[in-house]
Amino acid sequence: ECAVERYIYTSPSSTRYPGTNRLDWRI
């Protein structure tokens, strides 16, 4: 779960803006 946060924050695939990612999280 922490690695996912790092991916969201640094990946070029991410917009890297608060609140716009990790939407509708599910397993």
mmCIF file of all heavy atoms, coordinates in Angstrom:
data_MODEL
# 
_entry.id   MODEL 
# 
loop_
_atom_site.group_PDB 
_atom_site.id 
_atom_site.type_symbol 
_atom_site.label_atom_id 
_atom_site.label_alt_id 
_atom_site.label_comp_id 
_atom_site.label_asym_id 
_atom_site.label_entity_id 
_atom_site.label_seq_id 
_atom_site.pdbx_PDB_ins_code 
_atom_site.Cartn_x 
_atom_site.Cartn_y 
_atom_site.Cartn_z 
_atom_site.occupancy 
_atom_site.B_iso_or_equiv 
_atom_site.pdbx_formal_charge 
_atom_site.auth_seq_id 
_atom_site.auth_comp_id 
_atom_site.auth_asym_id 
_atom_site.auth_atom_id 
_atom_site.pdbx_PDB_model_num 
ATOM 1   N N   . GLU A 1 1  ? 0.819   -1.204 0.000   1.00 0.00 ? 1  GLU A N   1 
ATOM 2   C CA  . GLU A 1 1  ? 0.000   0.000  0.000   1.00 0.00 ? 1  GLU A CA  1 
ATOM 3   C C   . GLU A 1 1  ? 0.858   1.261  0.000   1.00 0.00 ? 1  GLU A C   1 
ATOM 4   O O   . GLU A 1 1  ? 0.525   2.255  -0.658  1.00 0.00 ? 1  GLU A O   1 
ATOM 5   C CB  . GLU A 1 1  ? -0.958  -0.015 1.195   1.00 0.00 ? 1  GLU A CB  1 
ATOM 6   C CG  . GLU A 1 1  ? -2.037  -1.080 1.072   1.00 0.00 ? 1  GLU A CG  1 
ATOM 7   C CD  . GLU A 1 1  ? -2.995  -1.109 2.250   1.00 0.00 ? 1  GLU A CD  1 
ATOM 8   O OE1 . GLU A 1 1  ? -2.891  -0.219 3.124   1.00 0.00 ? 1  GLU A OE1 1 
ATOM 9   O OE2 . GLU A 1 1  ? -3.860  -2.014 2.309   1.00 0.00 ? 1  GLU A OE2 1 
ATOM 10  N N   . CYS A 1 2  ? 1.973   1.220  0.718   1.00 0.00 ? 2  CYS A N   1 
ATOM 11  C CA  . CYS A 1 2  ? 2.899   2.353  0.710   1.00 0.00 ? 2  CYS A CA  1 
ATOM 12  C C   . CYS A 1 2  ? 3.577   2.497  -0.652  1.00 0.00 ? 2  CYS A C   1 
ATOM 13  O O   . CYS A 1 2  ? 3.801   3.609  -1.141  1.00 0.00 ? 2  CYS A O   1 
ATOM 14  C CB  . CYS A 1 2  ? 3.952   2.185  1.802   1.00 0.00 ? 2  CYS A CB  1 
ATOM 15  S SG  . CYS A 1 2  ? 3.330   2.398  3.483   1.00 0.00 ? 2  CYS A SG  1 
ATOM 16  N N   . ALA A 1 3  ? 3.906   1.369  -1.280  1.00 0.00 ? 3  ALA A N   1 
ATOM 17  C CA  . ALA A 1 3  ? 4.525   1.385  -2.603  1.00 0.00 ? 3  ALA A CA  1 
ATOM 18  C C   . ALA A 1 3  ? 3.583   1.993  -3.636  1.00 0.00 ? 3  ALA A C   1 
ATOM 19  O O   . ALA A 1 3  ? 4.014   2.703  -4.554  1.00 0.00 ? 3  ALA A O   1 
ATOM 20  C CB  . ALA A 1 3  ? 4.929   -0.026 -3.022  1.00 0.00 ? 3  ALA A CB  1 
ATOM 21  N N   . VAL A 1 4  ? 2.296   1.726  -3.491  1.00 0.00 ? 4  VAL A N   1 
ATOM 22  C CA  . VAL A 1 4  ? 1.304   2.317  -4.394  1.00 0.00 ? 4  VAL A CA  1 
ATOM 23  C C   . VAL A 1 4  ? 1.315   3.837  -4.248  1.00 0.00 ? 4  VAL A C   1 
ATOM 24  O O   . VAL A 1 4  ? 1.241   4.569  -5.244  1.00 0.00 ? 4  VAL A O   1 
ATOM 25  C CB  . VAL A 1 4  ? -0.101  1.751  -4.104  1.00 0.00 ? 4  VAL A CB  1 
ATOM 26  C CG1 . VAL A 1 4  ? -1.175  2.577  -4.817  1.00 0.00 ? 4  VAL A CG1 1 
ATOM 27  C CG2 . VAL A 1 4  ? -0.184  0.298  -4.554  1.00 0.00 ? 4  VAL A CG2 1 
ATOM 28  N N   . GLU A 1 5  ? 1.422   4.331  -3.023  1.00 0.00 ? 5  GLU A N   1 
ATOM 29  C CA  . GLU A 1 5  ? 1.487   5.772  -2.807  1.00 0.00 ? 5  GLU A CA  1 
ATOM 30  C C   . GLU A 1 5  ? 2.724   6.367  -3.487  1.00 0.00 ? 5  GLU A C   1 
ATOM 31  O O   . GLU A 1 5  ? 2.650   7.435  -4.109  1.00 0.00 ? 5  GLU A O   1 
ATOM 32  C CB  . GLU A 1 5  ? 1.506   6.086  -1.314  1.00 0.00 ? 5  GLU A CB  1 
ATOM 33  C CG  . GLU A 1 5  ? 0.195   5.781  -0.618  1.00 0.00 ? 5  GLU A CG  1 
ATOM 34  C CD  . GLU A 1 5  ? 0.216   6.148  0.857   1.00 0.00 ? 5  GLU A CD  1 
ATOM 35  O OE1 . GLU A 1 5  ? 1.237   6.728  1.318   1.00 0.00 ? 5  GLU A OE1 1 
ATOM 36  O OE2 . GLU A 1 5  ? -0.775  5.862  1.555   1.00 0.00 ? 5  GLU A OE2 1 
ATOM 37  N N   . ARG A 1 6  ? 3.851   5.678  -3.379  1.00 0.00 ? 6  ARG A N   1 
ATOM 38  C CA  . ARG A 1 6  ? 5.074   6.156  -4.041  1.00 0.00 ? 6  ARG A CA  1 
ATOM 39  C C   . ARG A 1 6  ? 4.878   6.172  -5.563  1.00 0.00 ? 6  ARG A C   1 
ATOM 40  O O   . ARG A 1 6  ? 5.296   7.120  -6.239  1.00 0.00 ? 6  ARG A O   1 
ATOM 41  C CB  . ARG A 1 6  ? 6.258   5.260  -3.665  1.00 0.00 ? 6  ARG A CB  1 
ATOM 42  C CG  . ARG A 1 6  ? 7.559   5.553  -4.414  1.00 0.00 ? 6  ARG A CG  1 
ATOM 43  C CD  . ARG A 1 6  ? 8.108   6.951  -4.145  1.00 0.00 ? 6  ARG A CD  1 
ATOM 44  N NE  . ARG A 1 6  ? 8.397   7.181  -2.746  1.00 0.00 ? 6  ARG A NE  1 
ATOM 45  C CZ  . ARG A 1 6  ? 9.551   6.858  -2.153  1.00 0.00 ? 6  ARG A CZ  1 
ATOM 46  N NH1 . ARG A 1 6  ? 10.524  6.287  -2.856  1.00 0.00 ? 6  ARG A NH1 1 
ATOM 47  N NH2 . ARG A 1 6  ? 9.737   7.107  -0.866  1.00 0.00 ? 6  ARG A NH2 1 
ATOM 48  N N   . TYR A 1 7  ? 4.232   5.134  -6.074  1.00 0.00 ? 7  TYR A N   1 
ATOM 49  C CA  . TYR A 1 7  ? 3.976   5.064  -7.517  1.00 0.00 ? 7  TYR A CA  1 
ATOM 50  C C   . TYR A 1 7  ? 3.109   6.248  -7.954  1.00 0.00 ? 7  TYR A C   1 
ATOM 51  O O   . TYR A 1 7  ? 3.399   6.913  -8.959  1.00 0.00 ? 7  TYR A O   1 
ATOM 52  C CB  . TYR A 1 7  ? 3.283   3.751  -7.852  1.00 0.00 ? 7  TYR A CB  1 
ATOM 53  C CG  . TYR A 1 7  ? 3.102   3.517  -9.335  1.00 0.00 ? 7  TYR A CG  1 
ATOM 54  C CD1 . TYR A 1 7  ? 4.109   2.934  -10.092 1.00 0.00 ? 7  TYR A CD1 1 
ATOM 55  C CD2 . TYR A 1 7  ? 1.916   3.887  -9.979  1.00 0.00 ? 7  TYR A CD2 1 
ATOM 56  C CE1 . TYR A 1 7  ? 3.951   2.731  -11.462 1.00 0.00 ? 7  TYR A CE1 1 
ATOM 57  C CE2 . TYR A 1 7  ? 1.761   3.696  -11.339 1.00 0.00 ? 7  TYR A CE2 1 
ATOM 58  C CZ  . TYR A 1 7  ? 2.772   3.112  -12.077 1.00 0.00 ? 7  TYR A CZ  1 
ATOM 59  O OH  . TYR A 1 7  ? 2.614   2.925  -13.423 1.00 0.00 ? 7  TYR A OH  1 
ATOM 60  N N   . ILE A 1 8  ? 2.059   6.519  -7.200  1.00 0.00 ? 8  ILE A N   1 
ATOM 61  C CA  . ILE A 1 8  ? 1.159   7.626  -7.533  1.00 0.00 ? 8  ILE A CA  1 
ATOM 62  C C   . ILE A 1 8  ? 1.905   8.956  -7.498  1.00 0.00 ? 8  ILE A C   1 
ATOM 63  O O   . ILE A 1 8  ? 1.708   9.816  -8.367  1.00 0.00 ? 8  ILE A O   1 
ATOM 64  C CB  . ILE A 1 8  ? -0.029  7.664  -6.551  1.00 0.00 ? 8  ILE A CB  1 
ATOM 65  C CG1 . ILE A 1 8  ? -0.932  6.444  -6.769  1.00 0.00 ? 8  ILE A CG1 1 
ATOM 66  C CG2 . ILE A 1 8  ? -0.825  8.951  -6.692  1.00 0.00 ? 8  ILE A CG2 1 
ATOM 67  C CD1 . ILE A 1 8  ? -2.020  6.290  -5.722  1.00 0.00 ? 8  ILE A CD1 1 
ATOM 68  N N   . TYR A 1 9  ? 2.776   9.116  -6.512  1.00 0.00 ? 9  TYR A N   1 
ATOM 69  C CA  . TYR A 1 9  ? 3.442   10.406 -6.297  1.00 0.00 ? 9  TYR A CA  1 
ATOM 70  C C   . TYR A 1 9  ? 4.568   10.669 -7.294  1.00 0.00 ? 9  TYR A C   1 
ATOM 71  O O   . TYR A 1 9  ? 4.869   11.828 -7.589  1.00 0.00 ? 9  TYR A O   1 
ATOM 72  C CB  . TYR A 1 9  ? 3.994   10.452 -4.865  1.00 0.00 ? 9  TYR A CB  1 
ATOM 73  C CG  . TYR A 1 9  ? 4.508   11.812 -4.445  1.00 0.00 ? 9  TYR A CG  1 
ATOM 74  C CD1 . TYR A 1 9  ? 3.636   12.877 -4.260  1.00 0.00 ? 9  TYR A CD1 1 
ATOM 75  C CD2 . TYR A 1 9  ? 5.869   12.023 -4.229  1.00 0.00 ? 9  TYR A CD2 1 
ATOM 76  C CE1 . TYR A 1 9  ? 4.107   14.124 -3.877  1.00 0.00 ? 9  TYR A CE1 1 
ATOM 77  C CE2 . TYR A 1 9  ? 6.340   13.268 -3.841  1.00 0.00 ? 9  TYR A CE2 1 
ATOM 78  C CZ  . TYR A 1 9  ? 5.459   14.316 -3.666  1.00 0.00 ? 9  TYR A CZ  1 
ATOM 79  O OH  . TYR A 1 9  ? 5.931   15.544 -3.292  1.00 0.00 ? 9  TYR A OH  1 
ATOM 80  N N   . THR A 1 10 ? 5.172   9.623  -7.828  1.00 0.00 ? 10 THR A N   1 
ATOM 81  C CA  . THR A 1 10 ? 6.370   9.830  -8.661  1.00 0.00 ? 10 THR A CA  1 
ATOM 82  C C   . THR A 1 10 ? 6.273   9.309  -10.087 1.00 0.00 ? 10 THR A C   1 
ATOM 83  O O   . THR A 1 10 ? 7.083   9.687  -10.929 1.00 0.00 ? 10 THR A O   1 
ATOM 84  C CB  . THR A 1 10 ? 7.597   9.162  -8.008  1.00 0.00 ? 10 THR A CB  1 
ATOM 85  O OG1 . THR A 1 10 ? 7.381   7.744  -7.936  1.00 0.00 ? 10 THR A OG1 1 
ATOM 86  C CG2 . THR A 1 10 ? 7.847   9.708  -6.613  1.00 0.00 ? 10 THR A CG2 1 
ATOM 87  N N   . SER A 1 11 ? 5.320   8.445  -10.368 1.00 0.00 ? 11 SER A N   1 
ATOM 88  C CA  . SER A 1 11 ? 5.270   7.821  -11.687 1.00 0.00 ? 11 SER A CA  1 
ATOM 89  C C   . SER A 1 11 ? 4.839   8.803  -12.776 1.00 0.00 ? 11 SER A C   1 
ATOM 90  O O   . SER A 1 11 ? 3.927   9.614  -12.567 1.00 0.00 ? 11 SER A O   1 
ATOM 91  C CB  . SER A 1 11 ? 4.300   6.637  -11.679 1.00 0.00 ? 11 SER A CB  1 
ATOM 92  O OG  . SER A 1 11 ? 4.065   6.173  -12.997 1.00 0.00 ? 11 SER A OG  1 
ATOM 93  N N   . PRO A 1 12 ? 5.449   8.735  -13.964 1.00 0.00 ? 12 PRO A N   1 
ATOM 94  C CA  . PRO A 1 12 ? 5.016   9.576  -15.086 1.00 0.00 ? 12 PRO A CA  1 
ATOM 95  C C   . PRO A 1 12 ? 3.617   9.210  -15.572 1.00 0.00 ? 12 PRO A C   1 
ATOM 96  O O   . PRO A 1 12 ? 3.000   9.967  -16.315 1.00 0.00 ? 12 PRO A O   1 
ATOM 97  C CB  . PRO A 1 12 ? 6.075   9.311  -16.163 1.00 0.00 ? 12 PRO A CB  1 
ATOM 98  C CG  . PRO A 1 12 ? 6.633   7.967  -15.821 1.00 0.00 ? 12 PRO A CG  1 
ATOM 99  C CD  . PRO A 1 12 ? 6.617   7.906  -14.330 1.00 0.00 ? 12 PRO A CD  1 
ATOM 100 N N   . SER A 1 13 ? 3.115   8.051  -15.155 1.00 0.00 ? 13 SER A N   1 
ATOM 101 C CA  . SER A 1 13 ? 1.761   7.644  -15.527 1.00 0.00 ? 13 SER A CA  1 
ATOM 102 C C   . SER A 1 13 ? 0.704   8.367  -14.696 1.00 0.00 ? 13 SER A C   1 
ATOM 103 O O   . SER A 1 13 ? -0.483  8.319  -15.005 1.00 0.00 ? 13 SER A O   1 
ATOM 104 C CB  . SER A 1 13 ? 1.590   6.134  -15.335 1.00 0.00 ? 13 SER A CB  1 
ATOM 105 O OG  . SER A 1 13 ? 2.452   5.411  -16.181 1.00 0.00 ? 13 SER A OG  1 
ATOM 106 N N   . SER A 1 14 ? 1.140   9.037  -13.626 1.00 0.00 ? 14 SER A N   1 
ATOM 107 C CA  . SER A 1 14 ? 0.220   9.673  -12.695 1.00 0.00 ? 14 SER A CA  1 
ATOM 108 C C   . SER A 1 14 ? 0.169   11.185 -12.908 1.00 0.00 ? 14 SER A C   1 
ATOM 109 O O   . SER A 1 14 ? 1.157   11.808 -13.296 1.00 0.00 ? 14 SER A O   1 
ATOM 110 C CB  . SER A 1 14 ? 0.651   9.370  -11.257 1.00 0.00 ? 14 SER A CB  1 
ATOM 111 O OG  . SER A 1 14 ? -0.128  10.095 -10.331 1.00 0.00 ? 14 SER A OG  1 
ATOM 112 N N   . THR A 1 15 ? -0.996  11.782 -12.636 1.00 0.00 ? 15 THR A N   1 
ATOM 113 C CA  . THR A 1 15 ? -1.110  13.241 -12.707 1.00 0.00 ? 15 THR A CA  1 
ATOM 114 C C   . THR A 1 15 ? -0.398  13.898 -11.534 1.00 0.00 ? 15 THR A C   1 
ATOM 115 O O   . THR A 1 15 ? -0.078  15.078 -11.586 1.00 0.00 ? 15 THR A O   1 
ATOM 116 C CB  . THR A 1 15 ? -2.589  13.669 -12.678 1.00 0.00 ? 15 THR A CB  1 
ATOM 117 O OG1 . THR A 1 15 ? -3.226  13.090 -11.533 1.00 0.00 ? 15 THR A OG1 1 
ATOM 118 C CG2 . THR A 1 15 ? -3.307  13.222 -13.935 1.00 0.00 ? 15 THR A CG2 1 
ATOM 119 N N   . ARG A 1 16 ? -0.168  13.130 -10.471 1.00 0.00 ? 16 ARG A N   1 
ATOM 120 C CA  . ARG A 1 16 ? 0.572   13.596 -9.301  1.00 0.00 ? 16 ARG A CA  1 
ATOM 121 C C   . ARG A 1 16 ? -0.080  14.817 -8.636  1.00 0.00 ? 16 ARG A C   1 
ATOM 122 O O   . ARG A 1 16 ? 0.604   15.746 -8.214  1.00 0.00 ? 16 ARG A O   1 
ATOM 123 C CB  . ARG A 1 16 ? 2.037   13.869 -9.669  1.00 0.00 ? 16 ARG A CB  1 
ATOM 124 C CG  . ARG A 1 16 ? 2.763   12.639 -10.169 1.00 0.00 ? 16 ARG A CG  1 
ATOM 125 C CD  . ARG A 1 16 ? 4.241   12.891 -10.374 1.00 0.00 ? 16 ARG A CD  1 
ATOM 126 N NE  . ARG A 1 16 ? 4.515   13.814 -11.449 1.00 0.00 ? 16 ARG A NE  1 
ATOM 127 C CZ  . ARG A 1 16 ? 4.476   13.494 -12.736 1.00 0.00 ? 16 ARG A CZ  1 
ATOM 128 N NH1 . ARG A 1 16 ? 4.173   12.275 -13.101 1.00 0.00 ? 16 ARG A NH1 1 
ATOM 129 N NH2 . ARG A 1 16 ? 4.748   14.402 -13.653 1.00 0.00 ? 16 ARG A NH2 1 
ATOM 130 N N   . TYR A 1 17 ? -1.418  14.786 -8.574  1.00 0.00 ? 17 TYR A N   1 
ATOM 131 C CA  . TYR A 1 17 ? -2.159  15.831 -7.879  1.00 0.00 ? 17 TYR A CA  1 
ATOM 132 C C   . TYR A 1 17 ? -2.983  15.202 -6.761  1.00 0.00 ? 17 TYR A C   1 
ATOM 133 O O   . TYR A 1 17 ? -3.576  14.132 -6.948  1.00 0.00 ? 17 TYR A O   1 
ATOM 134 C CB  . TYR A 1 17 ? -3.088  16.592 -8.837  1.00 0.00 ? 17 TYR A CB  1 
ATOM 135 C CG  . TYR A 1 17 ? -2.433  17.802 -9.460  1.00 0.00 ? 17 TYR A CG  1 
ATOM 136 C CD1 . TYR A 1 17 ? -1.680  17.688 -10.613 1.00 0.00 ? 17 TYR A CD1 1 
ATOM 137 C CD2 . TYR A 1 17 ? -2.559  19.065 -8.877  1.00 0.00 ? 17 TYR A CD2 1 
ATOM 138 C CE1 . TYR A 1 17 ? -1.061  18.792 -11.183 1.00 0.00 ? 17 TYR A CE1 1 
ATOM 139 C CE2 . TYR A 1 17 ? -1.944  20.181 -9.431  1.00 0.00 ? 17 TYR A CE2 1 
ATOM 140 C CZ  . TYR A 1 17 ? -1.207  20.038 -10.582 1.00 0.00 ? 17 TYR A CZ  1 
ATOM 141 O OH  . TYR A 1 17 ? -0.598  21.138 -11.131 1.00 0.00 ? 17 TYR A OH  1 
ATOM 142 N N   . PRO A 1 18 ? -3.042  15.849 -5.596  1.00 0.00 ? 18 PRO A N   1 
ATOM 143 C CA  . PRO A 1 18 ? -3.790  15.289 -4.468  1.00 0.00 ? 18 PRO A CA  1 
ATOM 144 C C   . PRO A 1 18 ? -5.261  15.071 -4.820  1.00 0.00 ? 18 PRO A C   1 
ATOM 145 O O   . PRO A 1 18 ? -5.883  15.895 -5.491  1.00 0.00 ? 18 PRO A O   1 
ATOM 146 C CB  . PRO A 1 18 ? -3.649  16.368 -3.388  1.00 0.00 ? 18 PRO A CB  1 
ATOM 147 C CG  . PRO A 1 18 ? -2.477  17.190 -3.794  1.00 0.00 ? 18 PRO A CG  1 
ATOM 148 C CD  . PRO A 1 18 ? -2.437  17.156 -5.278  1.00 0.00 ? 18 PRO A CD  1 
ATOM 149 N N   . GLY A 1 19 ? -5.804  13.952 -4.355  1.00 0.00 ? 19 GLY A N   1 
ATOM 150 C CA  . GLY A 1 19 ? -7.228  13.697 -4.490  1.00 0.00 ? 19 GLY A CA  1 
ATOM 151 C C   . GLY A 1 19 ? -7.703  13.209 -5.846  1.00 0.00 ? 19 GLY A C   1 
ATOM 152 O O   . GLY A 1 19 ? -8.882  12.901 -6.012  1.00 0.00 ? 19 GLY A O   1 
ATOM 153 N N   . THR A 1 20 ? -6.789  13.109 -6.828  1.00 0.00 ? 20 THR A N   1 
ATOM 154 C CA  . THR A 1 20 ? -7.209  12.687 -8.167  1.00 0.00 ? 20 THR A CA  1 
ATOM 155 C C   . THR A 1 20 ? -6.853  11.234 -8.446  1.00 0.00 ? 20 THR A C   1 
ATOM 156 O O   . THR A 1 20 ? -7.187  10.715 -9.519  1.00 0.00 ? 20 THR A O   1 
ATOM 157 C CB  . THR A 1 20 ? -6.545  13.556 -9.250  1.00 0.00 ? 20 THR A CB  1 
ATOM 158 O OG1 . THR A 1 20 ? -5.114  13.373 -9.202  1.00 0.00 ? 20 THR A OG1 1 
ATOM 159 C CG2 . THR A 1 20 ? -6.866  15.026 -9.047  1.00 0.00 ? 20 THR A CG2 1 
ATOM 160 N N   . ASN A 1 21 ? -6.189  10.587 -7.504  1.00 0.00 ? 21 ASN A N   1 
ATOM 161 C CA  . ASN A 1 21 ? -5.711  9.221  -7.723  1.00 0.00 ? 21 ASN A CA  1 
ATOM 162 C C   . ASN A 1 21 ? -6.087  8.332  -6.534  1.00 0.00 ? 21 ASN A C   1 
ATOM 163 O O   . ASN A 1 21 ? -6.502  8.820  -5.499  1.00 0.00 ? 21 ASN A O   1 
ATOM 164 C CB  . ASN A 1 21 ? -4.196  9.222  -7.918  1.00 0.00 ? 21 ASN A CB  1 
ATOM 165 C CG  . ASN A 1 21 ? -3.736  8.121  -8.850  1.00 0.00 ? 21 ASN A CG  1 
ATOM 166 O OD1 . ASN A 1 21 ? -4.232  7.002  -8.794  1.00 0.00 ? 21 ASN A OD1 1 
ATOM 167 N ND2 . ASN A 1 21 ? -2.766  8.430  -9.712  1.00 0.00 ? 21 ASN A ND2 1 
ATOM 168 N N   . ARG A 1 22 ? -5.926  7.030  -6.734  1.00 0.00 ? 22 ARG A N   1 
ATOM 169 C CA  . ARG A 1 22 ? -6.356  5.995  -5.789  1.00 0.00 ? 22 ARG A CA  1 
ATOM 170 C C   . ARG A 1 22 ? -7.870  6.094  -5.557  1.00 0.00 ? 22 ARG A C   1 
ATOM 171 O O   . ARG A 1 22 ? -8.369  5.946  -4.439  1.00 0.00 ? 22 ARG A O   1 
ATOM 172 C CB  . ARG A 1 22 ? -5.597  6.084  -4.464  1.00 0.00 ? 22 ARG A CB  1 
ATOM 173 C CG  . ARG A 1 22 ? -5.595  4.733  -3.692  1.00 0.00 ? 22 ARG A CG  1 
ATOM 174 C CD  . ARG A 1 22 ? -4.709  4.772  -2.477  1.00 0.00 ? 22 ARG A CD  1 
ATOM 175 N NE  . ARG A 1 22 ? -5.239  5.670  -1.446  1.00 0.00 ? 22 ARG A NE  1 
ATOM 176 C CZ  . ARG A 1 22 ? -4.632  5.928  -0.298  1.00 0.00 ? 22 ARG A CZ  1 
ATOM 177 N NH1 . ARG A 1 22 ? -3.472  5.363  -0.021  1.00 0.00 ? 22 ARG A NH1 1 
ATOM 178 N NH2 . ARG A 1 22 ? -5.165  6.754  0.577   1.00 0.00 ? 22 ARG A NH2 1 
ATOM 179 N N   . LEU A 1 23 ? -8.585  6.326  -6.645  1.00 0.00 ? 23 LEU A N   1 
ATOM 180 C CA  . LEU A 1 23 ? -10.045 6.389  -6.587  1.00 0.00 ? 23 LEU A CA  1 
ATOM 181 C C   . LEU A 1 23 ? -10.625 4.980  -6.675  1.00 0.00 ? 23 LEU A C   1 
ATOM 182 O O   . LEU A 1 23 ? -10.106 4.132  -7.395  1.00 0.00 ? 23 LEU A O   1 
ATOM 183 C CB  . LEU A 1 23 ? -10.575 7.246  -7.738  1.00 0.00 ? 23 LEU A CB  1 
ATOM 184 C CG  . LEU A 1 23 ? -9.978  8.652  -7.896  1.00 0.00 ? 23 LEU A CG  1 
ATOM 185 C CD1 . LEU A 1 23 ? -10.573 9.341  -9.114  1.00 0.00 ? 23 LEU A CD1 1 
ATOM 186 C CD2 . LEU A 1 23 ? -10.199 9.481  -6.641  1.00 0.00 ? 23 LEU A CD2 1 
ATOM 187 N N   . ASP A 1 24 ? -11.703 4.748  -5.947  1.00 0.00 ? 24 ASP A N   1 
ATOM 188 C CA  . ASP A 1 24 ? -12.418 3.463  -6.004  1.00 0.00 ? 24 ASP A CA  1 
ATOM 189 C C   . ASP A 1 24 ? -11.489 2.273  -5.735  1.00 0.00 ? 24 ASP A C   1 
ATOM 190 O O   . ASP A 1 24 ? -11.545 1.257  -6.432  1.00 0.00 ? 24 ASP A O   1 
ATOM 191 C CB  . ASP A 1 24 ? -13.098 3.293  -7.365  1.00 0.00 ? 24 ASP A CB  1 
ATOM 192 C CG  . ASP A 1 24 ? -14.041 4.443  -7.691  1.00 0.00 ? 24 ASP A CG  1 
ATOM 193 O OD1 . ASP A 1 24 ? -14.806 4.834  -6.795  1.00 0.00 ? 24 ASP A OD1 1 
ATOM 194 O OD2 . ASP A 1 24 ? -14.003 4.945  -8.825  1.00 0.00 ? 24 ASP A OD2 1 
ATOM 195 N N   . TRP A 1 25 ? -10.646 2.417  -4.727  1.00 0.00 ? 25 TRP A N   1 
ATOM 196 C CA  . TRP A 1 25 ? -9.708  1.350  -4.360  1.00 0.00 ? 25 TRP A CA  1 
ATOM 197 C C   . TRP A 1 25 ? -10.456 0.064  -4.033  1.00 0.00 ? 25 TRP A C   1 
ATOM 198 O O   . TRP A 1 25 ? -11.463 0.061  -3.337  1.00 0.00 ? 25 TRP A O   1 
ATOM 199 C CB  . TRP A 1 25 ? -8.899  1.797  -3.147  1.00 0.00 ? 25 TRP A CB  1 
ATOM 200 C CG  . TRP A 1 25 ? -8.086  0.725  -2.483  1.00 0.00 ? 25 TRP A CG  1 
ATOM 201 C CD1 . TRP A 1 25 ? -8.518  -0.183 -1.564  1.00 0.00 ? 25 TRP A CD1 1 
ATOM 202 C CD2 . TRP A 1 25 ? -6.690  0.458  -2.680  1.00 0.00 ? 25 TRP A CD2 1 
ATOM 203 N NE1 . TRP A 1 25 ? -7.485  -0.995 -1.166  1.00 0.00 ? 25 TRP A NE1 1 
ATOM 204 C CE2 . TRP A 1 25 ? -6.340  -0.628 -1.827  1.00 0.00 ? 25 TRP A CE2 1 
ATOM 205 C CE3 . TRP A 1 25 ? -5.692  1.034  -3.469  1.00 0.00 ? 25 TRP A CE3 1 
ATOM 206 C CZ2 . TRP A 1 25 ? -5.052  -1.144 -1.759  1.00 0.00 ? 25 TRP A CZ2 1 
ATOM 207 C CZ3 . TRP A 1 25 ? -4.413  0.523  -3.407  1.00 0.00 ? 25 TRP A CZ3 1 
ATOM 208 C CH2 . TRP A 1 25 ? -4.094  -0.559 -2.555  1.00 0.00 ? 25 TRP A CH2 1 
ATOM 209 N N   . ARG A 1 26 ? -9.944  -1.050 -4.543  1.00 0.00 ? 26 ARG A N   1 
ATOM 210 C CA  . ARG A 1 26 ? -10.537 -2.345 -4.220  1.00 0.00 ? 26 ARG A CA  1 
ATOM 211 C C   . ARG A 1 26 ? -9.507  -3.447 -4.405  1.00 0.00 ? 26 ARG A C   1 
ATOM 212 O O   . ARG A 1 26 ? -8.464  -3.252 -5.042  1.00 0.00 ? 26 ARG A O   1 
ATOM 213 C CB  . ARG A 1 26 ? -11.759 -2.628 -5.092  1.00 0.00 ? 26 ARG A CB  1 
ATOM 214 C CG  . ARG A 1 26 ? -11.443 -2.889 -6.563  1.00 0.00 ? 26 ARG A CG  1 
ATOM 215 C CD  . ARG A 1 26 ? -12.705 -2.979 -7.396  1.00 0.00 ? 26 ARG A CD  1 
ATOM 216 N NE  . ARG A 1 26 ? -12.427 -3.304 -8.789  1.00 0.00 ? 26 ARG A NE  1 
ATOM 217 C CZ  . ARG A 1 26 ? -12.592 -4.508 -9.324  1.00 0.00 ? 26 ARG A CZ  1 
ATOM 218 N NH1 . ARG A 1 26 ? -13.037 -5.515 -8.577  1.00 0.00 ? 26 ARG A NH1 1 
ATOM 219 N NH2 . ARG A 1 26 ? -12.325 -4.726 -10.598 1.00 0.00 ? 26 ARG A NH2 1 
ATOM 220 N N   . ILE A 1 27 ? -9.813  -4.584 -3.843  1.00 0.00 ? 27 ILE A N   1 
ATOM 221 C CA  . ILE A 1 27 ? -8.985  -5.776 -3.997  1.00 0.00 ? 27 ILE A CA  1 
ATOM 222 C C   . ILE A 1 27 ? -9.720  -6.724 -4.934  1.00 0.00 ? 27 ILE A C   1 
ATOM 223 O O   . ILE A 1 27 ? -10.911 -6.953 -4.779  1.00 0.00 ? 27 ILE A O   1 
ATOM 224 C CB  . ILE A 1 27 ? -8.747  -6.470 -2.639  1.00 0.00 ? 27 ILE A CB  1 
ATOM 225 C CG1 . ILE A 1 27 ? -8.244  -5.446 -1.604  1.00 0.00 ? 27 ILE A CG1 1 
ATOM 226 C CG2 . ILE A 1 27 ? -7.764  -7.616 -2.796  1.00 0.00 ? 27 ILE A CG2 1 
ATOM 227 C CD1 . ILE A 1 27 ? -6.998  -4.712 -2.019  1.00 0.00 ? 27 ILE A CD1 1 
# 
